[in-house]
Amino acid sequence: MSDILEVIRSRRTIRKFSPKSVEWDKISQVLDAGRHAPSAGNLQDWKFIVILEEELKMQLAEASLQQYFMVQAPLFIVICSEPEKIIRYYGARGEKLYSVQNNAACVQNMLLAAHALGLGTCWIGAFDEDEVRRVLNIPADARPQAIICLGYPGESPKQPPKYPLETLVFFNSWKNKIRDPTAYLQNYSDVLRKKTQVAVKQIKTFIDEKIKRKEPEEGP
């Protein structure tokens, strides 16, 4: 568990890539991580398009609001949703929310897997959908959701600032805070550990005071 938490904390968005090509074994592992993402009803409403051709990469960078740094990456992965599949079961909410959530989870899996494999990624969400459809011949019943630039990183970005956890978490209702969540949630092991530490400290203090007050024994 600690390993995945470290991967999550240390992952960074990469916008400068090494020209080194990426081994197919690693690409396939990244794709497989996406395949194992959770999805509403386990419908797995996604398809992946791997982009290797330089001309296509340039056209996609152009369609992505002229983000030309993208072409440094050896390859792109375009994630497409299949809205019709999820509309069939969940209607408009499935199309507007579940499908987006499913594909976002898929993308995050890929980003983390890539980082764990020593690769860098940049999640691109700003692009002209119609132009991406045209460039990649994506049919009307599929929708491009994201483009992942993938390659070996050519930079080591610093950790960006993050809000402290206590400013983000509420309990039971909006803006409701708990002074001691550990005690409230009855995390007995932690509570007992803290109480034991206090008790041990008190006992040690008591013994030290007794020793200090003890008079020297009389000789024979």
Protein backbone atom coordinates (compact mmCIF):
# COMPACT_ATOMS: atom_id res chain seq x y z
CA MET A 1 0.00 0.00 0.00
CA SER A 2 2.81 2.42 0.86
CA ASP A 3 4.29 1.94 -2.61
CA ILE A 4 1.14 3.07 -4.46
CA LEU A 5 0.78 6.05 -2.13
CA GLU A 6 4.33 7.10 -2.97
CA VAL A 7 3.56 6.74 -6.70
CA ILE A 8 0.50 8.97 -6.26
CA ARG A 9 2.43 11.61 -4.33
CA SER A 10 5.45 11.70 -6.62
CA ARG A 11 3.71 11.69 -10.01
CA ARG A 12 4.13 14.93 -11.99
CA THR A 13 2.81 16.33 -15.24
CA ILE A 14 5.59 16.22 -17.83
CA ARG A 15 5.86 18.70 -20.69
CA LYS A 16 9.44 17.97 -21.75
CA PHE A 17 10.20 14.49 -23.03
CA SER A 18 13.34 12.55 -23.84
CA PRO A 19 13.63 11.41 -27.49
CA LYS A 20 14.16 7.85 -26.23
CA SER A 21 11.53 5.48 -27.62
CA VAL A 22 9.24 3.60 -25.26
CA GLU A 23 9.30 -0.19 -25.22
CA TRP A 24 6.06 -1.87 -26.26
CA ASP A 25 6.09 -3.91 -23.06
CA LYS A 26 5.75 -0.73 -21.02
CA ILE A 27 3.13 0.74 -23.38
CA SER A 28 1.04 -2.41 -23.06
CA GLN A 29 1.29 -2.29 -19.27
CA VAL A 30 0.04 1.29 -19.27
CA LEU A 31 -2.88 0.32 -21.52
CA ASP A 32 -3.65 -2.67 -19.34
CA ALA A 33 -3.77 -0.44 -16.26
CA GLY A 34 -6.43 1.63 -18.03
CA ARG A 35 -8.36 -1.51 -18.87
CA HIS A 36 -8.58 -2.39 -15.17
CA ALA A 37 -10.18 0.90 -14.12
CA PRO A 38 -13.60 0.82 -12.44
CA SER A 39 -16.65 1.68 -14.54
CA ALA A 40 -20.38 2.08 -13.91
CA GLY A 41 -22.03 -1.30 -14.26
CA ASN A 42 -18.63 -2.67 -15.33
CA LEU A 43 -19.54 -1.52 -18.85
CA GLN A 44 -15.92 -0.58 -19.61
CA ASP A 45 -17.04 2.06 -22.09
CA TRP A 46 -13.62 2.96 -23.50
CA LYS A 47 -11.36 2.37 -26.46
CA PHE A 48 -7.69 3.32 -26.85
CA ILE A 49 -5.93 4.66 -29.95
CA VAL A 50 -2.12 4.59 -29.84
CA ILE A 51 -0.60 7.34 -31.97
CA LEU A 52 2.95 6.78 -33.25
CA GLU A 53 3.07 8.65 -36.57
CA GLU A 54 4.69 12.08 -36.39
CA GLU A 55 2.21 13.68 -38.78
CA LEU A 56 -0.75 12.54 -36.70
CA LYS A 57 0.93 13.77 -33.53
CA MET A 58 1.39 17.20 -35.11
CA GLN A 59 -2.25 17.34 -36.22
CA LEU A 60 -3.42 16.37 -32.74
CA ALA A 61 -1.19 19.03 -31.16
CA GLU A 62 -2.73 21.56 -33.55
CA ALA A 63 -6.21 20.36 -32.58
CA SER A 64 -5.23 20.66 -28.91
CA LEU A 65 -5.18 24.47 -29.06
CA GLN A 66 -1.70 24.51 -30.59
CA GLN A 67 0.02 22.78 -27.66
CA TYR A 68 3.06 21.93 -29.75
CA PHE A 69 5.13 20.68 -26.82
CA MET A 70 3.08 17.50 -27.17
CA VAL A 71 4.98 16.34 -30.24
CA GLN A 72 8.13 15.80 -28.15
CA ALA A 73 6.48 12.72 -26.66
CA PRO A 74 7.24 9.51 -28.59
CA LEU A 75 3.56 8.55 -28.62
CA PHE A 76 0.05 9.56 -27.64
CA ILE A 77 -2.79 7.47 -26.27
CA VAL A 78 -6.23 8.81 -27.16
CA ILE A 79 -8.98 7.56 -24.84
CA CYS A 80 -12.44 7.44 -26.39
CA SER A 81 -15.72 6.72 -24.64
CA GLU A 82 -18.67 4.80 -26.08
CA PRO A 83 -21.66 6.81 -24.82
CA GLU A 84 -24.30 4.66 -26.48
CA LYS A 85 -23.22 1.67 -24.42
CA ILE A 86 -23.78 3.51 -21.14
CA ILE A 87 -26.88 5.48 -22.24
CA ARG A 88 -28.61 2.16 -22.81
CA TYR A 89 -28.45 1.42 -19.09
CA TYR A 90 -28.22 4.79 -17.37
CA GLY A 91 -29.79 7.32 -19.72
CA ALA A 92 -28.74 10.96 -19.74
CA ARG A 93 -26.91 10.73 -16.41
CA GLY A 94 -24.83 7.91 -17.81
CA GLU A 95 -23.84 10.02 -20.82
CA LYS A 96 -23.18 13.28 -18.95
CA LEU A 97 -21.54 11.91 -15.81
CA TYR A 98 -20.82 8.18 -15.59
CA SER A 99 -19.07 7.95 -18.94
CA VAL A 100 -16.84 10.91 -18.09
CA GLN A 101 -16.07 9.47 -14.65
CA ASN A 102 -15.29 6.05 -16.10
CA ASN A 103 -12.83 7.42 -18.61
CA ALA A 104 -11.23 9.76 -16.08
CA ALA A 105 -10.58 6.78 -13.81
CA CYS A 106 -9.09 4.98 -16.79
CA VAL A 107 -6.77 7.91 -17.53
CA GLN A 108 -5.63 8.18 -13.91
CA ASN A 109 -4.78 4.47 -13.84
CA MET A 110 -2.63 4.98 -16.94
CA LEU A 111 -0.85 8.02 -15.49
CA LEU A 112 0.05 6.18 -12.30
CA ALA A 113 1.13 3.02 -14.10
CA ALA A 114 3.34 5.05 -16.43
CA HIS A 115 5.00 6.83 -13.52
CA ALA A 116 5.59 3.52 -11.73
CA LEU A 117 7.34 2.29 -14.90
CA GLY A 118 9.64 5.31 -15.02
CA LEU A 119 7.67 7.07 -17.76
CA GLY A 120 6.26 10.59 -17.91
CA THR A 121 2.80 11.69 -18.98
CA CYS A 122 0.74 14.77 -19.69
CA TRP A 123 -3.05 14.56 -19.59
CA ILE A 124 -4.48 16.71 -22.37
CA GLY A 125 -8.15 17.65 -22.09
CA ALA A 126 -8.23 20.88 -24.09
CA PHE A 127 -8.83 20.01 -27.73
CA ASP A 128 -11.30 20.43 -30.59
CA GLU A 129 -13.31 17.21 -30.45
CA ASP A 130 -14.53 17.47 -34.03
CA GLU A 131 -11.01 17.93 -35.33
CA VAL A 132 -9.71 14.99 -33.30
CA ARG A 133 -12.58 12.91 -34.68
CA ARG A 134 -11.65 13.88 -38.22
CA VAL A 135 -7.93 13.23 -37.82
CA LEU A 136 -8.42 9.79 -36.27
CA ASN A 137 -11.60 8.71 -38.13
CA ILE A 138 -13.49 8.35 -34.86
CA PRO A 139 -17.13 7.35 -35.53
CA ALA A 140 -20.15 9.31 -34.32
CA ASP A 141 -20.95 6.73 -31.63
CA ALA A 142 -17.61 7.32 -29.87
CA ARG A 143 -16.26 10.45 -28.18
CA PRO A 144 -12.62 11.46 -27.61
CA GLN A 145 -12.26 12.12 -23.88
CA ALA A 146 -8.54 12.61 -23.35
CA ILE A 147 -5.10 12.50 -24.93
CA ILE A 148 -2.16 11.18 -22.95
CA CYS A 149 1.35 12.19 -24.07
CA LEU A 150 3.64 9.33 -23.07
CA GLY A 151 7.42 8.98 -23.00
CA TYR A 152 10.51 9.12 -20.85
CA PRO A 153 10.58 12.40 -18.92
CA GLY A 154 13.01 15.11 -19.93
CA GLU A 155 12.46 17.14 -16.77
CA SER A 156 11.88 16.71 -13.05
CA PRO A 157 9.18 19.18 -11.99
CA LYS A 158 9.03 20.27 -8.38
CA GLN A 159 6.12 19.26 -6.22
CA PRO A 160 3.26 21.74 -6.69
CA PRO A 161 1.61 23.19 -3.57
CA LYS A 162 -1.39 21.25 -2.26
CA TYR A 163 -4.10 22.36 0.15
CA PRO A 164 -3.76 20.85 3.64
CA LEU A 165 -6.05 17.86 4.15
CA GLU A 166 -7.87 19.46 7.07
CA THR A 167 -9.09 22.29 4.80
CA LEU A 168 -10.69 19.83 2.38
CA VAL A 169 -12.49 17.33 4.61
CA PHE A 170 -15.92 17.76 6.22
CA PHE A 171 -17.92 15.26 8.29
CA ASN A 172 -21.62 14.52 7.86
CA SER A 173 -22.46 17.89 6.29
CA TRP A 174 -20.90 20.74 4.32
CA LYS A 175 -18.36 22.76 6.35
CA ASN A 176 -18.84 20.56 9.43
CA LYS A 177 -15.53 19.91 11.17
CA ILE A 178 -14.52 17.42 13.87
CA ARG A 179 -11.81 18.41 16.31
CA ASP A 180 -10.55 14.85 16.86
CA PRO A 181 -11.56 12.59 13.93
CA THR A 182 -9.55 9.68 15.32
CA ALA A 183 -11.55 9.53 18.53
CA TYR A 184 -14.84 10.26 16.77
CA LEU A 185 -14.30 7.44 14.29
CA GLN A 186 -13.40 5.14 17.19
CA ASN A 187 -9.99 4.23 15.90
CA TYR A 188 -9.33 2.39 19.12
CA SER A 189 -5.84 1.21 18.25
CA ASP A 190 -4.64 4.76 17.77
CA VAL A 191 -6.52 6.03 20.80
CA LEU A 192 -5.11 3.26 22.99
CA ARG A 193 -1.60 3.88 21.67
CA LYS A 194 -1.83 7.55 22.62
CA LYS A 195 -3.27 6.73 26.06
CA THR A 196 -0.58 4.12 26.66
CA GLN A 197 2.14 6.63 25.81
CA VAL A 198 0.65 9.09 28.31
CA ALA A 199 0.33 6.40 30.99
CA VAL A 200 3.92 5.22 30.50
CA LYS A 201 5.15 8.79 30.78
CA GLN A 202 3.15 9.31 33.99
CA ILE A 203 4.47 6.07 35.53
CA LYS A 204 8.05 6.99 34.64
CA THR A 205 7.61 10.41 36.25
CA PHE A 206 6.11 8.81 39.38
CA ILE A 207 9.00 6.33 39.71
CA ASP A 208 11.61 9.04 39.16
CA GLU A 209 10.07 11.14 41.92
CA LYS A 210 9.99 8.15 44.32
CA ILE A 211 13.66 7.47 43.65
CA LYS A 212 14.57 11.07 44.32
CA ARG A 213 12.65 11.11 47.62
CA LYS A 214 14.03 7.78 48.82
CA GLU A 215 16.48 8.24 51.69
CA PRO A 216 19.80 6.35 51.64
CA GLU A 217 19.68 3.04 53.52
CA GLU A 218 21.46 2.78 56.87
CA GLY A 219 24.61 0.73 57.09
CA PRO A 220 24.83 -2.62 58.96
